[in-house]
Amino acid sequence: MSNAKIKIKDFESALTELEAIVRQLEDGNLALEKSLELFERGVELSRFCHTRLEEAEQRVEILNERGEAHEAPASQAAPSGKES
């Protein structure tokens, strides 16, 4: 059974599976075909997670527009102790 046929349940399970795939690929002990199969599944999971994160960001923006909880966007957050 191909990994691409497995339904993605939710963000958390997709992220957990993606992390496992990254570990397997980093180990480097896989056949080429298995590596490609895992890579394809990883891309699918990454896209799924990216889409869910975009949707969550849009929901937060809507809440912010309604005058509820405001936080600085990550892109405007202070750098983590690194100076240029």
PDB file of N, CA and C in Angstrom:
ATOM      1  N   MET A   1       0.847  -1.194   0.000  1.00  0.00           N
ATOM      2  CA  MET A   1       0.000   0.000   0.000  1.00  0.00           C
ATOM      3  C   MET A   1       0.879   1.239   0.000  1.00  0.00           C
ATOM      4  N   SER A   2       0.601   2.173  -0.853  1.00  0.00           N
ATOM      5  CA  SER A   2       1.359   3.412  -0.963  1.00  0.00           C
ATOM      6  C   SER A   2       0.971   4.376   0.149  1.00  0.00           C
ATOM      7  N   ASN A   3       1.968   5.076   0.721  1.00  0.00           N
ATOM      8  CA  ASN A   3       1.706   6.056   1.763  1.00  0.00           C
ATOM      9  C   ASN A   3       0.799   7.172   1.282  1.00  0.00           C
ATOM     10  N   ALA A   4       0.843   7.505  -0.012  1.00  0.00           N
ATOM     11  CA  ALA A   4       0.052   8.598  -0.555  1.00  0.00           C
ATOM     12  C   ALA A   4      -1.447   8.322  -0.447  1.00  0.00           C
ATOM     13  N   LYS A   5      -1.821   7.071  -0.278  1.00  0.00           N
ATOM     14  CA  LYS A   5      -3.238   6.711  -0.197  1.00  0.00           C
ATOM     15  C   LYS A   5      -3.777   6.815   1.232  1.00  0.00           C
ATOM     16  N   ILE A   6      -2.901   7.006   2.221  1.00  0.00           N
ATOM     17  CA  ILE A   6      -3.316   7.080   3.610  1.00  0.00           C
ATOM     18  C   ILE A   6      -3.869   8.467   3.897  1.00  0.00           C
ATOM     19  N   LYS A   7      -5.090   8.512   4.432  1.00  0.00           N
ATOM     20  CA  LYS A   7      -5.750   9.782   4.738  1.00  0.00           C
ATOM     21  C   LYS A   7      -5.044  10.477   5.900  1.00  0.00           C
ATOM     22  N   ILE A   8      -4.948  11.789   5.801  1.00  0.00           N
ATOM     23  CA  ILE A   8      -4.351  12.592   6.861  1.00  0.00           C
ATOM     24  C   ILE A   8      -5.474  12.997   7.816  1.00  0.00           C
ATOM     25  N   LYS A   9      -5.314  12.636   9.094  1.00  0.00           N
ATOM     26  CA  LYS A   9      -6.371  12.882  10.088  1.00  0.00           C
ATOM     27  C   LYS A   9      -6.456  14.341  10.510  1.00  0.00           C
ATOM     28  N   ASP A  10      -5.353  14.872  11.028  1.00  0.00           N
ATOM     29  CA  ASP A  10      -5.346  16.232  11.552  1.00  0.00           C
ATOM     30  C   ASP A  10      -3.919  16.772  11.558  1.00  0.00           C
ATOM     31  N   PHE A  11      -3.780  18.031  11.937  1.00  0.00           N
ATOM     32  CA  PHE A  11      -2.478  18.690  11.916  1.00  0.00           C
ATOM     33  C   PHE A  11      -1.457  17.957  12.778  1.00  0.00           C
ATOM     34  N   GLU A  12      -1.844  17.616  13.991  1.00  0.00           N
ATOM     35  CA  GLU A  12      -0.910  16.998  14.923  1.00  0.00           C
ATOM     36  C   GLU A  12      -0.416  15.643  14.425  1.00  0.00           C
ATOM     37  N   SER A  13      -1.305  14.820  13.900  1.00  0.00           N
ATOM     38  CA  SER A  13      -0.879  13.512  13.400  1.00  0.00           C
ATOM     39  C   SER A  13      -0.028  13.669  12.139  1.00  0.00           C
ATOM     40  N   ALA A  14      -0.353  14.660  11.316  1.00  0.00           N
ATOM     41  CA  ALA A  14       0.446  14.917  10.114  1.00  0.00           C
ATOM     42  C   ALA A  14       1.857  15.350  10.499  1.00  0.00           C
ATOM     43  N   LEU A  15       1.965  16.215  11.497  1.00  0.00           N
ATOM     44  CA  LEU A  15       3.275  16.688  11.938  1.00  0.00           C
ATOM     45  C   LEU A  15       4.091  15.556  12.550  1.00  0.00           C
ATOM     46  N   THR A  16       3.450  14.709  13.329  1.00  0.00           N
ATOM     47  CA  THR A  16       4.137  13.563  13.932  1.00  0.00           C
ATOM     48  C   THR A  16       4.659  12.623  12.853  1.00  0.00           C
ATOM     49  N   GLU A  17       3.820  12.337  11.854  1.00  0.00           N
ATOM     50  CA  GLU A  17       4.248  11.460  10.767  1.00  0.00           C
ATOM     51  C   GLU A  17       5.370  12.097   9.959  1.00  0.00           C
ATOM     52  N   LEU A  18       5.274  13.394   9.716  1.00  0.00           N
ATOM     53  CA  LEU A  18       6.312  14.099   8.968  1.00  0.00           C
ATOM     54  C   LEU A  18       7.645  14.047   9.713  1.00  0.00           C
ATOM     55  N   GLU A  19       7.617  14.231  11.015  1.00  0.00           N
ATOM     56  CA  GLU A  19       8.848  14.152  11.807  1.00  0.00           C
ATOM     57  C   GLU A  19       9.474  12.757  11.725  1.00  0.00           C
ATOM     58  N   ALA A  20       8.636  11.724  11.748  1.00  0.00           N
ATOM     59  CA  ALA A  20       9.135  10.350  11.640  1.00  0.00           C
ATOM     60  C   ALA A  20       9.778  10.114  10.269  1.00  0.00           C
ATOM     61  N   ILE A  21       9.158  10.655   9.236  1.00  0.00           N
ATOM     62  CA  ILE A  21       9.699  10.514   7.877  1.00  0.00           C
ATOM     63  C   ILE A  21      11.050  11.208   7.776  1.00  0.00           C
ATOM     64  N   VAL A  22      11.154  12.390   8.337  1.00  0.00           N
ATOM     65  CA  VAL A  22      12.424  13.122   8.300  1.00  0.00           C
ATOM     66  C   VAL A  22      13.516  12.305   8.986  1.00  0.00           C
ATOM     67  N   ARG A  23      13.205  11.725  10.144  1.00  0.00           N
ATOM     68  CA  ARG A  23      14.199  10.900  10.845  1.00  0.00           C
ATOM     69  C   ARG A  23      14.636   9.719   9.984  1.00  0.00           C
ATOM     70  N   GLN A  24      13.677   9.054   9.340  1.00  0.00           N
ATOM     71  CA  GLN A  24      14.013   7.903   8.484  1.00  0.00           C
ATOM     72  C   GLN A  24      14.897   8.323   7.321  1.00  0.00           C
ATOM     73  N   LEU A  25      14.562   9.435   6.688  1.00  0.00           N
ATOM     74  CA  LEU A  25      15.346   9.899   5.549  1.00  0.00           C
ATOM     75  C   LEU A  25      16.734  10.358   5.980  1.00  0.00           C
ATOM     76  N   GLU A  26      16.833  10.977   7.135  1.00  0.00           N
ATOM     77  CA  GLU A  26      18.133  11.426   7.624  1.00  0.00           C
ATOM     78  C   GLU A  26      19.043  10.259   7.978  1.00  0.00           C
ATOM     79  N   ASP A  27      18.459   9.141   8.409  1.00  0.00           N
ATOM     80  CA  ASP A  27      19.268   7.958   8.714  1.00  0.00           C
ATOM     81  C   ASP A  27      19.999   7.455   7.476  1.00  0.00           C
ATOM     82  N   GLY A  28      19.367   7.595   6.308  1.00  0.00           N
ATOM     83  CA  GLY A  28      20.011   7.250   5.059  1.00  0.00           C
ATOM     84  C   GLY A  28      20.175   5.765   4.790  1.00  0.00           C
ATOM     85  N   ASN A  29      19.441   4.925   5.495  1.00  0.00           N
ATOM     86  CA  ASN A  29      19.570   3.473   5.324  1.00  0.00           C
ATOM     87  C   ASN A  29      18.431   2.875   4.499  1.00  0.00           C
ATOM     88  N   LEU A  30      17.853   3.644   3.613  1.00  0.00           N
ATOM     89  CA  LEU A  30      16.709   3.188   2.828  1.00  0.00           C
ATOM     90  C   LEU A  30      17.087   3.007   1.359  1.00  0.00           C
ATOM     91  N   ALA A  31      16.370   2.128   0.713  1.00  0.00           N
ATOM     92  CA  ALA A  31      16.521   1.968  -0.735  1.00  0.00           C
ATOM     93  C   ALA A  31      15.997   3.231  -1.415  1.00  0.00           C
ATOM     94  N   LEU A  32      16.458   3.469  -2.621  1.00  0.00           N
ATOM     95  CA  LEU A  32      16.064   4.663  -3.357  1.00  0.00           C
ATOM     96  C   LEU A  32      14.552   4.780  -3.492  1.00  0.00           C
ATOM     97  N   GLU A  33      13.893   3.703  -3.900  1.00  0.00           N
ATOM     98  CA  GLU A  33      12.438   3.750  -4.095  1.00  0.00           C
ATOM     99  C   GLU A  33      11.697   4.074  -2.801  1.00  0.00           C
ATOM    100  N   LYS A  34      12.129   3.479  -1.700  1.00  0.00           N
ATOM    101  CA  LYS A  34      11.501   3.751  -0.404  1.00  0.00           C
ATOM    102  C   LYS A  34      11.744   5.203  -0.004  1.00  0.00           C
ATOM    103  N   SER A  35      12.948   5.706  -0.257  1.00  0.00           N
ATOM    104  CA  SER A  35      13.254   7.099   0.043  1.00  0.00           C
ATOM    105  C   SER A  35      12.352   8.039  -0.752  1.00  0.00           C
ATOM    106  N   LEU A  36      12.170   7.748  -2.031  1.00  0.00           N
ATOM    107  CA  LEU A  36      11.303   8.578  -2.867  1.00  0.00           C
ATOM    108  C   LEU A  36       9.855   8.530  -2.400  1.00  0.00           C
ATOM    109  N   GLU A  37       9.398   7.345  -2.023  1.00  0.00           N
ATOM    110  CA  GLU A  37       8.032   7.187  -1.525  1.00  0.00           C
ATOM    111  C   GLU A  37       7.831   8.015  -0.247  1.00  0.00           C
ATOM    112  N   LEU A  38       8.791   7.929   0.656  1.00  0.00           N
ATOM    113  CA  LEU A  38       8.694   8.698   1.897  1.00  0.00           C
ATOM    114  C   LEU A  38       8.789  10.201   1.626  1.00  0.00           C
ATOM    115  N   PHE A  39       9.660  10.580   0.695  1.00  0.00           N
ATOM    116  CA  PHE A  39       9.785  11.989   0.344  1.00  0.00           C
ATOM    117  C   PHE A  39       8.465  12.534  -0.194  1.00  0.00           C
ATOM    118  N   GLU A  40       7.814  11.775  -1.078  1.00  0.00           N
ATOM    119  CA  GLU A  40       6.525  12.196  -1.640  1.00  0.00           C
ATOM    120  C   GLU A  40       5.478  12.347  -0.534  1.00  0.00           C
ATOM    121  N   ARG A  41       5.450  11.393   0.384  1.00  0.00           N
ATOM    122  CA  ARG A  41       4.504  11.477   1.502  1.00  0.00           C
ATOM    123  C   ARG A  41       4.836  12.694   2.369  1.00  0.00           C
ATOM    124  N   GLY A  42       6.118  12.944   2.566  1.00  0.00           N
ATOM    125  CA  GLY A  42       6.528  14.103   3.354  1.00  0.00           C
ATOM    126  C   GLY A  42       6.078  15.413   2.733  1.00  0.00           C
ATOM    127  N   VAL A  43       6.181  15.512   1.420  1.00  0.00           N
ATOM    128  CA  VAL A  43       5.718  16.715   0.719  1.00  0.00           C
ATOM    129  C   VAL A  43       4.215  16.874   0.908  1.00  0.00           C
ATOM    130  N   GLU A  44       3.479  15.786   0.773  1.00  0.00           N
ATOM    131  CA  GLU A  44       2.027  15.826   0.969  1.00  0.00           C
ATOM    132  C   GLU A  44       1.685  16.294   2.393  1.00  0.00           C
ATOM    133  N   LEU A  45       2.368  15.747   3.380  1.00  0.00           N
ATOM    134  CA  LEU A  45       2.125  16.124   4.772  1.00  0.00           C
ATOM    135  C   LEU A  45       2.510  17.578   5.022  1.00  0.00           C
ATOM    136  N   SER A  46       3.625  18.000   4.449  1.00  0.00           N
ATOM    137  CA  SER A  46       4.072  19.377   4.609  1.00  0.00           C
ATOM    138  C   SER A  46       3.046  20.356   4.033  1.00  0.00           C
ATOM    139  N   ARG A  47       2.527  20.050   2.871  1.00  0.00           N
ATOM    140  CA  ARG A  47       1.511  20.912   2.254  1.00  0.00           C
ATOM    141  C   ARG A  47       0.250  20.953   3.098  1.00  0.00           C
ATOM    142  N   PHE A  48      -0.157  19.806   3.628  1.00  0.00           N
ATOM    143  CA  PHE A  48      -1.334  19.726   4.490  1.00  0.00           C
ATOM    144  C   PHE A  48      -1.127  20.625   5.713  1.00  0.00           C
ATOM    145  N   CYS A  49       0.027  20.496   6.369  1.00  0.00           N
ATOM    146  CA  CYS A  49       0.318  21.298   7.563  1.00  0.00           C
ATOM    147  C   CYS A  49       0.355  22.782   7.225  1.00  0.00           C
ATOM    148  N   HIS A  50       0.979  23.125   6.114  1.00  0.00           N
ATOM    149  CA  HIS A  50       1.064  24.521   5.692  1.00  0.00           C
ATOM    150  C   HIS A  50      -0.336  25.106   5.481  1.00  0.00           C
ATOM    151  N   THR A  51      -1.204  24.360   4.843  1.00  0.00           N
ATOM    152  CA  THR A  51      -2.570  24.810   4.603  1.00  0.00           C
ATOM    153  C   THR A  51      -3.313  25.012   5.916  1.00  0.00           C
ATOM    154  N   ARG A  52      -3.175  24.050   6.844  1.00  0.00           N
ATOM    155  CA  ARG A  52      -3.850  24.182   8.142  1.00  0.00           C
ATOM    156  C   ARG A  52      -3.339  25.403   8.901  1.00  0.00           C
ATOM    157  N   LEU A  53      -2.022  25.658   8.837  1.00  0.00           N
ATOM    158  CA  LEU A  53      -1.453  26.819   9.517  1.00  0.00           C
ATOM    159  C   LEU A  53      -1.956  28.128   8.897  1.00  0.00           C
ATOM    160  N   GLU A  54      -2.063  28.163   7.583  1.00  0.00           N
ATOM    161  CA  GLU A  54      -2.613  29.361   6.921  1.00  0.00           C
ATOM    162  C   GLU A  54      -4.045  29.604   7.357  1.00  0.00           C
ATOM    163  N   GLU A  55      -4.837  28.529   7.443  1.00  0.00           N
ATOM    164  CA  GLU A  55      -6.228  28.660   7.883  1.00  0.00           C
ATOM    165  C   GLU A  55      -6.303  29.172   9.320  1.00  0.00           C
ATOM    166  N   ALA A  56      -5.441  28.679  10.178  1.00  0.00           N
ATOM    167  CA  ALA A  56      -5.414  29.132  11.573  1.00  0.00           C
ATOM    168  C   ALA A  56      -5.020  30.606  11.636  1.00  0.00           C
ATOM    169  N   GLU A  57      -4.053  31.000  10.823  1.00  0.00           N
ATOM    170  CA  GLU A  57      -3.630  32.399  10.789  1.00  0.00           C
ATOM    171  C   GLU A  57      -4.777  33.306  10.358  1.00  0.00           C
ATOM    172  N   GLN A  58      -5.545  32.872   9.371  1.00  0.00           N
ATOM    173  CA  GLN A  58      -6.688  33.659   8.918  1.00  0.00           C
ATOM    174  C   GLN A  58      -7.726  33.795  10.028  1.00  0.00           C
ATOM    175  N   ARG A  59      -7.951  32.741  10.775  1.00  0.00           N
ATOM    176  CA  ARG A  59      -8.902  32.796  11.889  1.00  0.00           C
ATOM    177  C   ARG A  59      -8.433  33.782  12.957  1.00  0.00           C
ATOM    178  N   VAL A  60      -7.122  33.784  13.243  1.00  0.00           N
ATOM    179  CA  VAL A  60      -6.569  34.715  14.227  1.00  0.00           C
ATOM    180  C   VAL A  60      -6.732  36.145  13.735  1.00  0.00           C
ATOM    181  N   GLU A  61      -6.478  36.377  12.451  1.00  0.00           N
ATOM    182  CA  GLU A  61      -6.637  37.723  11.891  1.00  0.00           C
ATOM    183  C   GLU A  61      -8.071  38.201  12.017  1.00  0.00           C
ATOM    184  N   ILE A  62      -9.029  37.325  11.785  1.00  0.00           N
ATOM    185  CA  ILE A  62     -10.443  37.688  11.920  1.00  0.00           C
ATOM    186  C   ILE A  62     -10.745  38.060  13.367  1.00  0.00           C
ATOM    187  N   LEU A  63     -10.239  37.277  14.305  1.00  0.00           N
ATOM    188  CA  LEU A  63     -10.449  37.592  15.717  1.00  0.00           C
ATOM    189  C   LEU A  63      -9.826  38.941  16.065  1.00  0.00           C
ATOM    190  N   ASN A  64      -8.627  39.208  15.546  1.00  0.00           N
ATOM    191  CA  ASN A  64      -7.955  40.480  15.805  1.00  0.00           C
ATOM    192  C   ASN A  64      -8.757  41.648  15.250  1.00  0.00           C
ATOM    193  N   GLU A  65      -9.363  41.465  14.087  1.00  0.00           N
ATOM    194  CA  GLU A  65     -10.175  42.516  13.483  1.00  0.00           C
ATOM    195  C   GLU A  65     -11.396  42.822  14.324  1.00  0.00           C
ATOM    196  N   ARG A  66     -11.867  41.876  15.089  1.00  0.00           N
ATOM    197  CA  ARG A  66     -13.042  42.061  15.946  1.00  0.00           C
ATOM    198  C   ARG A  66     -12.675  42.671  17.295  1.00  0.00           C
ATOM    199  N   GLY A  67     -11.401  43.013  17.475  1.00  0.00           N
ATOM    200  CA  GLY A  67     -10.986  43.670  18.702  1.00  0.00           C
ATOM    201  C   GLY A  67     -10.658  42.719  19.834  1.00  0.00           C
ATOM    202  N   GLU A  68     -10.468  41.474  19.525  1.00  0.00           N
ATOM    203  CA  GLU A  68     -10.116  40.510  20.555  1.00  0.00           C
ATOM    204  C   GLU A  68      -8.600  40.337  20.588  1.00  0.00           C
ATOM    205  N   ALA A  69      -8.110  39.479  21.424  1.00  0.00           N
ATOM    206  CA  ALA A  69      -6.686  39.248  21.694  1.00  0.00           C
ATOM    207  C   ALA A  69      -5.768  39.577  20.528  1.00  0.00           C
ATOM    208  N   HIS A  70      -4.799  40.461  20.779  1.00  0.00           N
ATOM    209  CA  HIS A  70      -3.821  40.869  19.762  1.00  0.00           C
ATOM    210  C   HIS A  70      -2.430  40.442  20.200  1.00  0.00           C
ATOM    211  N   GLU A  71      -1.678  39.842  19.283  1.00  0.00           N
ATOM    212  CA  GLU A  71      -0.275  39.528  19.509  1.00  0.00           C
ATOM    213  C   GLU A  71       0.497  39.975  18.286  1.00  0.00           C
ATOM    214  N   ALA A  72       1.759  40.316  18.503  1.00  0.00           N
ATOM    215  CA  ALA A  72       2.609  40.736  17.388  1.00  0.00           C
ATOM    216  C   ALA A  72       2.811  39.573  16.431  1.00  0.00           C
ATOM    217  N   PRO A  73       2.695  39.816  15.127  1.00  0.00           N
ATOM    218  CA  PRO A  73       2.980  38.748  14.154  1.00  0.00           C
ATOM    219  C   PRO A  73       4.405  38.261  14.302  1.00  0.00           C
ATOM    220  N   ALA A  74       4.642  37.014  14.020  1.00  0.00           N
ATOM    221  CA  ALA A  74       5.975  36.415  14.153  1.00  0.00           C
ATOM    222  C   ALA A  74       7.008  37.165  13.332  1.00  0.00           C
ATOM    223  N   SER A  75       6.617  37.692  12.182  1.00  0.00           N
ATOM    224  CA  SER A  75       7.557  38.396  11.314  1.00  0.00           C
ATOM    225  C   SER A  75       8.020  39.711  11.924  1.00  0.00           C
ATOM    226  N   GLN A  76       7.286  40.233  12.923  1.00  0.00           N
ATOM    227  CA  GLN A  76       7.657  41.480  13.566  1.00  0.00           C
ATOM    228  C   GLN A  76       8.215  41.261  14.967  1.00  0.00           C
ATOM    229  N   ALA A  77       8.326  40.011  15.383  1.00  0.00           N
ATOM    230  CA  ALA A  77       8.849  39.696  16.714  1.00  0.00           C
ATOM    231  C   ALA A  77      10.326  40.056  16.786  1.00  0.00           C
ATOM    232  N   ALA A  78      10.794  40.340  17.995  1.00  0.00           N
ATOM    233  CA  ALA A  78      12.203  40.687  18.189  1.00  0.00           C
ATOM    234  C   ALA A  78      13.098  39.520  17.820  1.00  0.00           C
ATOM    235  N   PRO A  79      14.260  39.796  17.218  1.00  0.00           N
ATOM    236  CA  PRO A  79      15.193  38.711  16.868  1.00  0.00           C
ATOM    237  C   PRO A  79      15.652  37.980  18.120  1.00  0.00           C
ATOM    238  N   SER A  80      16.015  36.735  17.971  1.00  0.00           N
ATOM    239  CA  SER A  80      16.389  35.900  19.117  1.00  0.00           C
ATOM    240  C   SER A  80      17.848  36.102  19.506  1.00  0.00           C
ATOM    241  N   GLY A  81      18.193  37.303  19.951  1.00  0.00           N
ATOM    242  CA  GLY A  81      19.508  37.575  20.479  1.00  0.00           C
ATOM    243  C   GLY A  81      20.609  37.734  19.438  1.00  0.00           C
ATOM    244  N   LYS A  82      20.287  37.735  18.176  1.00  0.00           N
ATOM    245  CA  LYS A  82      21.327  37.862  17.142  1.00  0.00           C
ATOM    246  C   LYS A  82      21.361  39.308  16.642  1.00  0.00           C
ATOM    247  N   GLU A  83      22.551  39.852  16.645  1.00  0.00           N
ATOM    248  CA  GLU A  83      22.766  41.207  16.144  1.00  0.00           C
ATOM    249  C   GLU A  83      23.544  41.125  14.842  1.00  0.00           C
ATOM    250  N   SER A  84      23.264  42.025  13.922  1.00  0.00           N
ATOM    251  CA  SER A  84      24.013  42.053  12.655  1.00  0.00           C
ATOM    252  C   SER A  84      25.222  42.914  12.769  1.00  0.00           C
TER     253      SER A  84
END
